[in-house]
Amino acid sequence: MMLKLNVPTDRGTVLNGVLFRQDEKRTADTVMIAITGIHGNFYSNPFYYNIGETLNKANIDFIYAQTNDAFGRIKTVNVRTGKQEIIGSWNERFADADEDIEAYLRFARAEGYAHIILAGHSLGANKVIHYLSAHHDPDIDHFFFLSPANLTYMMSGVTDGEKRIIRDQVARGEGGSMLPFPFMGWVECIANTAYDWQFSGILNNVHTAKDGDFSQAETITHTGALLVGTYDNFTDGDPSEFLKNLNDHMPTAADNDLIFIEKTGHAYQMKNQEVADAILDQLQKWLTPERD
């Protein structure tokens, strides 16, 4: 069954997630929390249903952890101010990413799960990397990076003129106003949000080059799994090598598992169930290590 979650952050913004589990009351000891990426909602990423239903059959709970940018605009009510606010990819601030993840972890802790797997898809994986680099949380058993996004590649079409407009608008104190053009050609957003993408470096933590800035990954102490489709076009090159390069920069590289889903892309087209089955197999491997 699917239960709607309204998870408040420390700043009062309420994130709307979905909890997949067998009954209204918790019976599972394990939960996987999947942080969404930009526009990474159920409509664009239907594989979430496969994952949730597949894990539930094995009595593992699953949280579709929708964050600020899962849609372009989302109406919600701030629990601190009591006022309606509109969040989304149009005004997300990357500095809030850790707080969003913590909100879902707080829910999982309150539910009393013995095992928490922190996952993220696309930009959500970048957010989890950022979180784990600064929070060596013993409540998290493992991470699961699903197709991390290469932000440098995604932003490669942003022109020098557009970069200058972003910088100038923020410098004038107009960062909260909409840009006069869609960022990256498809994101209608305020200048502050575009600035976070283009210049902050907060989530630009995965790269094609071996000498890229992997300073965040280099401080992660958790072990986990990394998964990618071999046709993923958000990696700027060979997706398998892209994933291996990220893992090579992690202190736990030898203990991590790499999973390659053949002949599918960033949202696992035509391979939704294969991805769900691979995730379940990995979780069961962690939960029953004697299988090895």
C-alpha atoms as a PDB file:
ATOM      1  CA  MET A   1       0.000   0.000   0.000  1.00  0.00           C
ATOM      2  CA  MET A   2       1.022   3.624  -0.472  1.00  0.00           C
ATOM      3  CA  LEU A   3       0.743   6.163   2.332  1.00  0.00           C
ATOM      4  CA  LYS A   4       1.173   9.883   1.793  1.00  0.00           C
ATOM      5  CA  LEU A   5       3.882  11.521   3.879  1.00  0.00           C
ATOM      6  CA  ASN A   6       4.059  15.171   4.857  1.00  0.00           C
ATOM      7  CA  VAL A   7       7.558  15.596   6.213  1.00  0.00           C
ATOM      8  CA  PRO A   8       8.434  18.977   7.765  1.00  0.00           C
ATOM      9  CA  THR A   9      11.933  20.384   7.477  1.00  0.00           C
ATOM     10  CA  ASP A  10      13.604  22.527  10.119  1.00  0.00           C
ATOM     11  CA  ARG A  11      12.861  25.649   8.075  1.00  0.00           C
ATOM     12  CA  GLY A  12       9.155  24.732   8.088  1.00  0.00           C
ATOM     13  CA  THR A  13       8.823  23.678   4.451  1.00  0.00           C
ATOM     14  CA  VAL A  14       6.779  20.499   4.138  1.00  0.00           C
ATOM     15  CA  LEU A  15       7.978  17.840   1.686  1.00  0.00           C
ATOM     16  CA  ASN A  16       5.391  15.476   0.239  1.00  0.00           C
ATOM     17  CA  GLY A  17       6.675  11.905   0.039  1.00  0.00           C
ATOM     18  CA  VAL A  18       5.082   8.490  -0.329  1.00  0.00           C
ATOM     19  CA  LEU A  19       5.655   5.492   1.918  1.00  0.00           C
ATOM     20  CA  PHE A  20       5.295   2.042   0.374  1.00  0.00           C
ATOM     21  CA  ARG A  21       4.653  -0.660   2.962  1.00  0.00           C
ATOM     22  CA  GLN A  22       2.486  -3.702   3.545  1.00  0.00           C
ATOM     23  CA  ASP A  23       0.278  -2.298   6.327  1.00  0.00           C
ATOM     24  CA  GLU A  24      -0.555   1.068   7.832  1.00  0.00           C
ATOM     25  CA  LYS A  25       1.562   0.209  10.853  1.00  0.00           C
ATOM     26  CA  ARG A  26       5.210  -0.666  10.437  1.00  0.00           C
ATOM     27  CA  THR A  27       6.061  -4.368  10.290  1.00  0.00           C
ATOM     28  CA  ALA A  28       9.339  -4.120   8.356  1.00  0.00           C
ATOM     29  CA  ASP A  29      12.708  -3.631  10.045  1.00  0.00           C
ATOM     30  CA  THR A  30      14.273  -2.038   6.955  1.00  0.00           C
ATOM     31  CA  VAL A  31      13.451   1.049   4.932  1.00  0.00           C
ATOM     32  CA  MET A  32      15.032   2.440   1.786  1.00  0.00           C
ATOM     33  CA  ILE A  33      14.714   6.211   1.393  1.00  0.00           C
ATOM     34  CA  ALA A  34      15.103   7.425  -2.205  1.00  0.00           C
ATOM     35  CA  ILE A  35      15.820  11.147  -2.591  1.00  0.00           C
ATOM     36  CA  THR A  36      14.405  12.469  -5.866  1.00  0.00           C
ATOM     37  CA  GLY A  37      16.206  14.556  -8.459  1.00  0.00           C
ATOM     38  CA  ILE A  38      15.076  17.548 -10.476  1.00  0.00           C
ATOM     39  CA  HIS A  39      11.632  16.814 -11.966  1.00  0.00           C
ATOM     40  CA  GLY A  40      12.151  13.284 -10.626  1.00  0.00           C
ATOM     41  CA  ASN A  41       8.501  12.670  -9.816  1.00  0.00           C
ATOM     42  CA  PHE A  42       6.304   9.596 -10.334  1.00  0.00           C
ATOM     43  CA  TYR A  43       5.292  10.819 -13.793  1.00  0.00           C
ATOM     44  CA  SER A  44       8.803  11.130 -15.177  1.00  0.00           C
ATOM     45  CA  ASN A  45      10.277   8.321 -13.084  1.00  0.00           C
ATOM     46  CA  PRO A  46       7.666   5.508 -12.930  1.00  0.00           C
ATOM     47  CA  PHE A  47      10.340   3.056 -11.806  1.00  0.00           C
ATOM     48  CA  TYR A  48       9.645   4.213  -8.240  1.00  0.00           C
ATOM     49  CA  TYR A  49       6.448   2.148  -8.308  1.00  0.00           C
ATOM     50  CA  ASN A  50       8.375  -0.975  -9.317  1.00  0.00           C
ATOM     51  CA  ILE A  51      10.915  -0.447  -6.566  1.00  0.00           C
ATOM     52  CA  GLY A  52       8.302   0.174  -3.879  1.00  0.00           C
ATOM     53  CA  GLU A  53       6.111  -2.775  -4.816  1.00  0.00           C
ATOM     54  CA  THR A  54       9.072  -5.139  -5.242  1.00  0.00           C
ATOM     55  CA  LEU A  55      10.607  -4.258  -1.896  1.00  0.00           C
ATOM     56  CA  ASN A  56       7.232  -4.506  -0.158  1.00  0.00           C
ATOM     57  CA  LYS A  57       6.814  -8.095  -1.314  1.00  0.00           C
ATOM     58  CA  ALA A  58      10.022  -8.825   0.612  1.00  0.00           C
ATOM     59  CA  ASN A  59       8.747  -6.862   3.649  1.00  0.00           C
ATOM     60  CA  ILE A  60      11.092  -3.938   3.090  1.00  0.00           C
ATOM     61  CA  ASP A  61       9.556  -0.476   3.260  1.00  0.00           C
ATOM     62  CA  PHE A  62      10.325   2.163   0.643  1.00  0.00           C
ATOM     63  CA  ILE A  63      10.044   5.948   0.776  1.00  0.00           C
ATOM     64  CA  TYR A  64       9.716   7.988  -2.391  1.00  0.00           C
ATOM     65  CA  ALA A  65      11.372  11.021  -0.810  1.00  0.00           C
ATOM     66  CA  GLN A  66      10.200  13.925  -2.925  1.00  0.00           C
ATOM     67  CA  THR A  67      12.322  17.021  -2.480  1.00  0.00           C
ATOM     68  CA  ASN A  68      11.923  20.671  -3.467  1.00  0.00           C
ATOM     69  CA  ASP A  69      12.544  20.189  -7.159  1.00  0.00           C
ATOM     70  CA  ALA A  70      10.567  17.038  -7.981  1.00  0.00           C
ATOM     71  CA  PHE A  71       8.148  19.277  -9.885  1.00  0.00           C
ATOM     72  CA  GLY A  72       8.422  22.735 -11.383  1.00  0.00           C
ATOM     73  CA  ARG A  73       6.079  24.162  -8.743  1.00  0.00           C
ATOM     74  CA  ILE A  74       4.469  22.576  -5.680  1.00  0.00           C
ATOM     75  CA  LYS A  75       1.949  24.261  -3.362  1.00  0.00           C
ATOM     76  CA  THR A  76       2.540  23.598   0.325  1.00  0.00           C
ATOM     77  CA  VAL A  77       2.080  25.239   3.722  1.00  0.00           C
ATOM     78  CA  ASN A  78       5.023  26.194   5.887  1.00  0.00           C
ATOM     79  CA  VAL A  79       4.472  24.730   9.373  1.00  0.00           C
ATOM     80  CA  ARG A  80       6.507  27.503  11.006  1.00  0.00           C
ATOM     81  CA  THR A  81       4.758  30.480   9.434  1.00  0.00           C
ATOM     82  CA  GLY A  82       1.402  28.880   8.666  1.00  0.00           C
ATOM     83  CA  LYS A  83       1.548  30.516   5.260  1.00  0.00           C
ATOM     84  CA  GLN A  84       1.213  28.899   1.861  1.00  0.00           C
ATOM     85  CA  GLU A  85       4.436  28.703  -0.106  1.00  0.00           C
ATOM     86  CA  ILE A  86       5.298  27.451  -3.545  1.00  0.00           C
ATOM     87  CA  ILE A  87       8.439  25.371  -3.855  1.00  0.00           C
ATOM     88  CA  GLY A  88       9.927  23.585  -6.837  1.00  0.00           C
ATOM     89  CA  SER A  89      12.745  23.544  -9.330  1.00  0.00           C
ATOM     90  CA  TRP A  90      12.031  27.232  -9.889  1.00  0.00           C
ATOM     91  CA  ASN A  91      13.344  28.337  -6.478  1.00  0.00           C
ATOM     92  CA  GLU A  92      15.248  25.435  -4.916  1.00  0.00           C
ATOM     93  CA  ARG A  93      18.387  26.292  -2.933  1.00  0.00           C
ATOM     94  CA  PHE A  94      21.065  23.619  -2.849  1.00  0.00           C
ATOM     95  CA  ALA A  95      22.081  24.602   0.682  1.00  0.00           C
ATOM     96  CA  ASP A  96      18.747  23.137   1.854  1.00  0.00           C
ATOM     97  CA  ALA A  97      19.552  19.648   0.534  1.00  0.00           C
ATOM     98  CA  ASP A  98      20.976  18.294   3.804  1.00  0.00           C
ATOM     99  CA  GLU A  99      17.988  19.610   5.719  1.00  0.00           C
ATOM    100  CA  ASP A 100      15.588  17.888   3.300  1.00  0.00           C
ATOM    101  CA  ILE A 101      17.375  14.561   3.686  1.00  0.00           C
ATOM    102  CA  GLU A 102      17.439  14.937   7.460  1.00  0.00           C
ATOM    103  CA  ALA A 103      13.666  15.426   7.481  1.00  0.00           C
ATOM    104  CA  TYR A 104      13.131  11.994   5.937  1.00  0.00           C
ATOM    105  CA  LEU A 105      15.745  10.400   8.182  1.00  0.00           C
ATOM    106  CA  ARG A 106      13.990  11.906  11.200  1.00  0.00           C
ATOM    107  CA  PHE A 107      10.763  10.235  10.087  1.00  0.00           C
ATOM    108  CA  ALA A 108      12.517   6.879   9.654  1.00  0.00           C
ATOM    109  CA  ARG A 109      14.117   7.119  13.080  1.00  0.00           C
ATOM    110  CA  ALA A 110      10.784   7.944  14.693  1.00  0.00           C
ATOM    111  CA  GLU A 111       9.240   4.901  13.016  1.00  0.00           C
ATOM    112  CA  GLY A 112      11.867   2.725  14.678  1.00  0.00           C
ATOM    113  CA  TYR A 113      13.472   1.051  11.658  1.00  0.00           C
ATOM    114  CA  ALA A 114      16.476  -1.087  12.552  1.00  0.00           C
ATOM    115  CA  HIS A 115      18.056  -0.604   9.119  1.00  0.00           C
ATOM    116  CA  ILE A 116      18.022   2.546   6.971  1.00  0.00           C
ATOM    117  CA  ILE A 117      19.309   2.581   3.387  1.00  0.00           C
ATOM    118  CA  LEU A 118      19.772   6.132   2.078  1.00  0.00           C
ATOM    119  CA  ALA A 119      19.406   6.276  -1.692  1.00  0.00           C
ATOM    120  CA  GLY A 120      19.118   8.993  -4.295  1.00  0.00           C
ATOM    121  CA  HIS A 121      18.409   9.103  -8.009  1.00  0.00           C
ATOM    122  CA  SER A 122      20.034  11.564 -10.432  1.00  0.00           C
ATOM    123  CA  LEU A 123      20.501  14.913  -8.643  1.00  0.00           C
ATOM    124  CA  GLY A 124      19.125  13.130  -5.588  1.00  0.00           C
ATOM    125  CA  ALA A 125      22.229  10.918  -5.615  1.00  0.00           C
ATOM    126  CA  ASN A 126      24.405  14.046  -5.698  1.00  0.00           C
ATOM    127  CA  LYS A 127      22.463  15.306  -2.681  1.00  0.00           C
ATOM    128  CA  VAL A 128      23.109  12.050  -0.809  1.00  0.00           C
ATOM    129  CA  ILE A 129      26.826  12.289  -1.637  1.00  0.00           C
ATOM    130  CA  HIS A 130      26.848  15.810  -0.217  1.00  0.00           C
ATOM    131  CA  TYR A 131      24.974  14.699   2.898  1.00  0.00           C
ATOM    132  CA  LEU A 132      27.168  11.668   3.607  1.00  0.00           C
ATOM    133  CA  SER A 133      30.333  13.694   3.112  1.00  0.00           C
ATOM    134  CA  ALA A 134      29.416  15.784   6.141  1.00  0.00           C
ATOM    135  CA  HIS A 135      27.261  13.399   8.210  1.00  0.00           C
ATOM    136  CA  HIS A 136      28.795  10.101   9.240  1.00  0.00           C
ATOM    137  CA  ASP A 137      25.482   8.951  10.642  1.00  0.00           C
ATOM    138  CA  PRO A 138      25.540   5.511  12.303  1.00  0.00           C
ATOM    139  CA  ASP A 139      21.761   5.213  11.809  1.00  0.00           C
ATOM    140  CA  ILE A 140      22.370   4.828   8.060  1.00  0.00           C
ATOM    141  CA  ASP A 141      23.435   1.289   7.179  1.00  0.00           C
ATOM    142  CA  HIS A 142      24.364   1.843   3.523  1.00  0.00           C
ATOM    143  CA  PHE A 143      23.960   4.247   0.612  1.00  0.00           C
ATOM    144  CA  PHE A 144      22.531   3.489  -2.827  1.00  0.00           C
ATOM    145  CA  PHE A 145      23.514   5.912  -5.604  1.00  0.00           C
ATOM    146  CA  LEU A 146      21.180   5.556  -8.585  1.00  0.00           C
ATOM    147  CA  SER A 147      22.577   7.270 -11.699  1.00  0.00           C
ATOM    148  CA  PRO A 148      24.296  10.339 -10.200  1.00  0.00           C
ATOM    149  CA  ALA A 149      24.093  13.405 -12.443  1.00  0.00           C
ATOM    150  CA  ASN A 150      27.090  14.996 -14.125  1.00  0.00           C
ATOM    151  CA  LEU A 151      26.187  18.635 -13.542  1.00  0.00           C
ATOM    152  CA  THR A 152      29.070  19.974 -15.615  1.00  0.00           C
ATOM    153  CA  TYR A 153      27.762  18.068 -18.626  1.00  0.00           C
ATOM    154  CA  MET A 154      24.161  19.069 -17.947  1.00  0.00           C
ATOM    155  CA  MET A 155      25.178  22.742 -17.880  1.00  0.00           C
ATOM    156  CA  SER A 156      27.486  22.558 -20.910  1.00  0.00           C
ATOM    157  CA  GLY A 157      24.962  24.399 -23.073  1.00  0.00           C
ATOM    158  CA  VAL A 158      24.770  27.450 -20.796  1.00  0.00           C
ATOM    159  CA  THR A 159      26.427  30.291 -22.691  1.00  0.00           C
ATOM    160  CA  ASP A 160      28.920  32.793 -21.299  1.00  0.00           C
ATOM    161  CA  GLY A 161      26.322  35.498 -21.823  1.00  0.00           C
ATOM    162  CA  GLU A 162      23.762  33.577 -19.770  1.00  0.00           C
ATOM    163  CA  LYS A 163      26.324  33.003 -17.008  1.00  0.00           C
ATOM    164  CA  ARG A 164      26.993  36.731 -16.950  1.00  0.00           C
ATOM    165  CA  ILE A 165      23.267  37.496 -16.653  1.00  0.00           C
ATOM    166  CA  ILE A 166      22.994  35.111 -13.692  1.00  0.00           C
ATOM    167  CA  ARG A 167      25.971  36.643 -11.886  1.00  0.00           C
ATOM    168  CA  ASP A 168      24.858  40.204 -12.567  1.00  0.00           C
ATOM    169  CA  GLN A 169      21.276  39.596 -11.451  1.00  0.00           C
ATOM    170  CA  VAL A 170      22.441  38.057  -8.164  1.00  0.00           C
ATOM    171  CA  ALA A 171      24.996  40.855  -7.644  1.00  0.00           C
ATOM    172  CA  ARG A 172      22.241  43.458  -8.049  1.00  0.00           C
ATOM    173  CA  GLY A 173      20.300  41.823  -5.228  1.00  0.00           C
ATOM    174  CA  GLU A 174      17.707  40.433  -7.639  1.00  0.00           C
ATOM    175  CA  GLY A 175      18.503  36.772  -7.079  1.00  0.00           C
ATOM    176  CA  GLY A 176      14.924  36.063  -6.075  1.00  0.00           C
ATOM    177  CA  SER A 177      13.589  37.208  -9.460  1.00  0.00           C
ATOM    178  CA  MET A 178      13.062  34.916 -12.431  1.00  0.00           C
ATOM    179  CA  LEU A 179      15.759  34.655 -15.057  1.00  0.00           C
ATOM    180  CA  PRO A 180      14.834  36.052 -18.486  1.00  0.00           C
ATOM    181  CA  PHE A 181      15.649  32.662 -20.060  1.00  0.00           C
ATOM    182  CA  PRO A 182      15.209  28.975 -19.109  1.00  0.00           C
ATOM    183  CA  PHE A 183      18.352  27.729 -17.400  1.00  0.00           C
ATOM    184  CA  MET A 184      19.968  24.842 -19.324  1.00  0.00           C
ATOM    185  CA  GLY A 185      17.218  25.430 -21.865  1.00  0.00           C
ATOM    186  CA  TRP A 186      14.493  23.790 -19.766  1.00  0.00           C
ATOM    187  CA  VAL A 187      14.453  25.006 -16.147  1.00  0.00           C
ATOM    188  CA  GLU A 188      12.396  28.148 -15.499  1.00  0.00           C
ATOM    189  CA  CYS A 189      13.943  29.441 -12.281  1.00  0.00           C
ATOM    190  CA  ILE A 190      15.093  32.395 -10.221  1.00  0.00           C
ATOM    191  CA  ALA A 191      18.654  33.657 -10.541  1.00  0.00           C
ATOM    192  CA  ASN A 192      19.648  32.306  -7.108  1.00  0.00           C
ATOM    193  CA  THR A 193      18.725  28.770  -8.126  1.00  0.00           C
ATOM    194  CA  ALA A 194      20.662  29.028 -11.386  1.00  0.00           C
ATOM    195  CA  TYR A 195      23.603  30.446  -9.433  1.00  0.00           C
ATOM    196  CA  ASP A 196      23.564  27.406  -7.153  1.00  0.00           C
ATOM    197  CA  TRP A 197      23.692  25.114 -10.171  1.00  0.00           C
ATOM    198  CA  GLN A 198      26.316  27.041 -12.088  1.00  0.00           C
ATOM    199  CA  PHE A 199      28.662  28.483  -9.500  1.00  0.00           C
ATOM    200  CA  SER A 200      28.154  27.118  -5.971  1.00  0.00           C
ATOM    201  CA  GLY A 201      29.704  23.681  -6.497  1.00  0.00           C
ATOM    202  CA  ILE A 202      27.515  22.342  -3.675  1.00  0.00           C
ATOM    203  CA  LEU A 203      26.163  19.421  -5.699  1.00  0.00           C
ATOM    204  CA  ASN A 204      28.688  19.377  -8.541  1.00  0.00           C
ATOM    205  CA  ASN A 205      30.435  16.394  -6.970  1.00  0.00           C
ATOM    206  CA  VAL A 206      30.546  13.726  -9.715  1.00  0.00           C
ATOM    207  CA  HIS A 207      32.706  14.042 -12.811  1.00  0.00           C
ATOM    208  CA  THR A 208      33.911  12.296 -15.935  1.00  0.00           C
ATOM    209  CA  ALA A 209      37.553  13.341 -15.502  1.00  0.00           C
ATOM    210  CA  LYS A 210      39.612  11.309 -13.058  1.00  0.00           C
ATOM    211  CA  ASP A 211      41.088  14.503 -11.618  1.00  0.00           C
ATOM    212  CA  GLY A 212      37.715  16.186 -11.093  1.00  0.00           C
ATOM    213  CA  ASP A 213      36.730  17.572  -7.720  1.00  0.00           C
ATOM    214  CA  PHE A 214      35.724  14.474  -5.768  1.00  0.00           C
ATOM    215  CA  SER A 215      36.422  16.044  -2.381  1.00  0.00           C
ATOM    216  CA  GLN A 216      32.951  15.158  -1.127  1.00  0.00           C
ATOM    217  CA  ALA A 217      33.108  11.511  -2.194  1.00  0.00           C
ATOM    218  CA  GLU A 218      36.567  11.245  -0.668  1.00  0.00           C
ATOM    219  CA  THR A 219      35.183  11.866   2.814  1.00  0.00           C
ATOM    220  CA  ILE A 220      32.317   9.348   2.744  1.00  0.00           C
ATOM    221  CA  THR A 221      32.759   6.596   5.321  1.00  0.00           C
ATOM    222  CA  HIS A 222      29.625   4.570   4.561  1.00  0.00           C
ATOM    223  CA  THR A 223      29.604   1.575   2.241  1.00  0.00           C
ATOM    224  CA  GLY A 224      26.972   0.991  -0.377  1.00  0.00           C
ATOM    225  CA  ALA A 225      26.046   0.339  -3.985  1.00  0.00           C
ATOM    226  CA  LEU A 226      26.194   2.391  -7.171  1.00  0.00           C
ATOM    227  CA  LEU A 227      23.869   1.704 -10.124  1.00  0.00           C
ATOM    228  CA  VAL A 228      23.673   3.111 -13.640  1.00  0.00           C
ATOM    229  CA  GLY A 229      22.123   2.285 -17.006  1.00  0.00           C
ATOM    230  CA  THR A 230      24.727   1.660 -19.694  1.00  0.00           C
ATOM    231  CA  TYR A 231      22.931   4.098 -22.035  1.00  0.00           C
ATOM    232  CA  ASP A 232      22.743   6.919 -19.474  1.00  0.00           C
ATOM    233  CA  ASN A 233      23.159  10.188 -21.398  1.00  0.00           C
ATOM    234  CA  PHE A 234      23.728  12.335 -18.306  1.00  0.00           C
ATOM    235  CA  THR A 235      27.269  11.045 -17.799  1.00  0.00           C
ATOM    236  CA  ASP A 236      29.084  12.593 -20.781  1.00  0.00           C
ATOM    237  CA  GLY A 237      30.800   9.439 -21.954  1.00  0.00           C
ATOM    238  CA  ASP A 238      30.887   5.827 -20.845  1.00  0.00           C
ATOM    239  CA  PRO A 239      28.353   5.429 -17.998  1.00  0.00           C
ATOM    240  CA  SER A 240      30.161   2.379 -16.618  1.00  0.00           C
ATOM    241  CA  GLU A 241      33.482   4.235 -16.415  1.00  0.00           C
ATOM    242  CA  PHE A 242      31.687   7.254 -14.978  1.00  0.00           C
ATOM    243  CA  LEU A 243      30.388   5.117 -12.107  1.00  0.00           C
ATOM    244  CA  LYS A 244      33.721   3.371 -11.586  1.00  0.00           C
ATOM    245  CA  ASN A 245      35.481   6.736 -11.474  1.00  0.00           C
ATOM    246  CA  LEU A 246      33.183   7.924  -8.690  1.00  0.00           C
ATOM    247  CA  ASN A 247      33.704   4.734  -6.725  1.00  0.00           C
ATOM    248  CA  ASP A 248      37.488   4.883  -7.177  1.00  0.00           C
ATOM    249  CA  HIS A 249      37.519   8.178  -5.291  1.00  0.00           C
ATOM    250  CA  MET A 250      35.710   6.766  -2.261  1.00  0.00           C
ATOM    251  CA  PRO A 251      37.597   5.384   0.758  1.00  0.00           C
ATOM    252  CA  THR A 252      35.140   2.473   0.852  1.00  0.00           C
ATOM    253  CA  ALA A 253      35.601   1.580  -2.834  1.00  0.00           C
ATOM    254  CA  ALA A 254      36.703  -2.016  -2.212  1.00  0.00           C
ATOM    255  CA  ASP A 255      33.583  -2.706  -0.164  1.00  0.00           C
ATOM    256  CA  ASN A 256      31.076  -1.075  -2.511  1.00  0.00           C
ATOM    257  CA  ASP A 257      29.070  -2.867  -5.200  1.00  0.00           C
ATOM    258  CA  LEU A 258      28.659  -1.552  -8.750  1.00  0.00           C
ATOM    259  CA  ILE A 259      25.548  -2.494 -10.712  1.00  0.00           C
ATOM    260  CA  PHE A 260      25.179  -1.941 -14.452  1.00  0.00           C
ATOM    261  CA  ILE A 261      21.758  -2.197 -16.069  1.00  0.00           C
ATOM    262  CA  GLU A 262      22.345  -2.981 -19.713  1.00  0.00           C
ATOM    263  CA  LYS A 263      20.786  -1.052 -22.589  1.00  0.00           C
ATOM    264  CA  THR A 264      18.791   1.519 -20.640  1.00  0.00           C
ATOM    265  CA  GLY A 265      19.125   5.181 -19.850  1.00  0.00           C
ATOM    266  CA  HIS A 266      18.896   7.632 -16.980  1.00  0.00           C
ATOM    267  CA  ALA A 267      15.286   6.756 -16.060  1.00  0.00           C
ATOM    268  CA  TYR A 268      15.665   3.027 -16.810  1.00  0.00           C
ATOM    269  CA  GLN A 269      13.281   2.898 -19.743  1.00  0.00           C
ATOM    270  CA  MET A 270      12.036  -0.666 -20.414  1.00  0.00           C
ATOM    271  CA  LYS A 271      14.125  -1.929 -17.481  1.00  0.00           C
ATOM    272  CA  ASN A 272      12.101  -0.687 -14.511  1.00  0.00           C
ATOM    273  CA  GLN A 273      11.547  -4.127 -13.043  1.00  0.00           C
ATOM    274  CA  GLU A 274      15.125  -5.203 -13.654  1.00  0.00           C
ATOM    275  CA  VAL A 275      16.289  -2.199 -11.635  1.00  0.00           C
ATOM    276  CA  ALA A 276      13.845  -3.012  -8.834  1.00  0.00           C
ATOM    277  CA  ASP A 277      14.993  -6.633  -8.754  1.00  0.00           C
ATOM    278  CA  ALA A 278      18.648  -5.573  -8.661  1.00  0.00           C
ATOM    279  CA  ILE A 279      17.957  -3.231  -5.743  1.00  0.00           C
ATOM    280  CA  LEU A 280      16.114  -5.951  -3.828  1.00  0.00           C
ATOM    281  CA  ASP A 281      18.926  -8.423  -4.427  1.00  0.00           C
ATOM    282  CA  GLN A 282      21.469  -5.919  -3.132  1.00  0.00           C
ATOM    283  CA  LEU A 283      19.441  -5.121  -0.006  1.00  0.00           C
ATOM    284  CA  GLN A 284      18.961  -8.801   0.757  1.00  0.00           C
ATOM    285  CA  LYS A 285      22.686  -9.315   0.347  1.00  0.00           C
ATOM    286  CA  TRP A 286      23.303  -6.665   3.012  1.00  0.00           C
ATOM    287  CA  LEU A 287      20.581  -7.957   5.300  1.00  0.00           C
ATOM    288  CA  THR A 288      21.629 -11.605   4.983  1.00  0.00           C
ATOM    289  CA  PRO A 289      25.405 -11.423   4.513  1.00  0.00           C
ATOM    290  CA  GLU A 290      25.739 -15.191   4.964  1.00  0.00           C
ATOM    291  CA  ARG A 291      24.538 -15.456   1.340  1.00  0.00           C
ATOM    292  CA  ASP A 292      28.074 -14.471   0.301  1.00  0.00           C
END
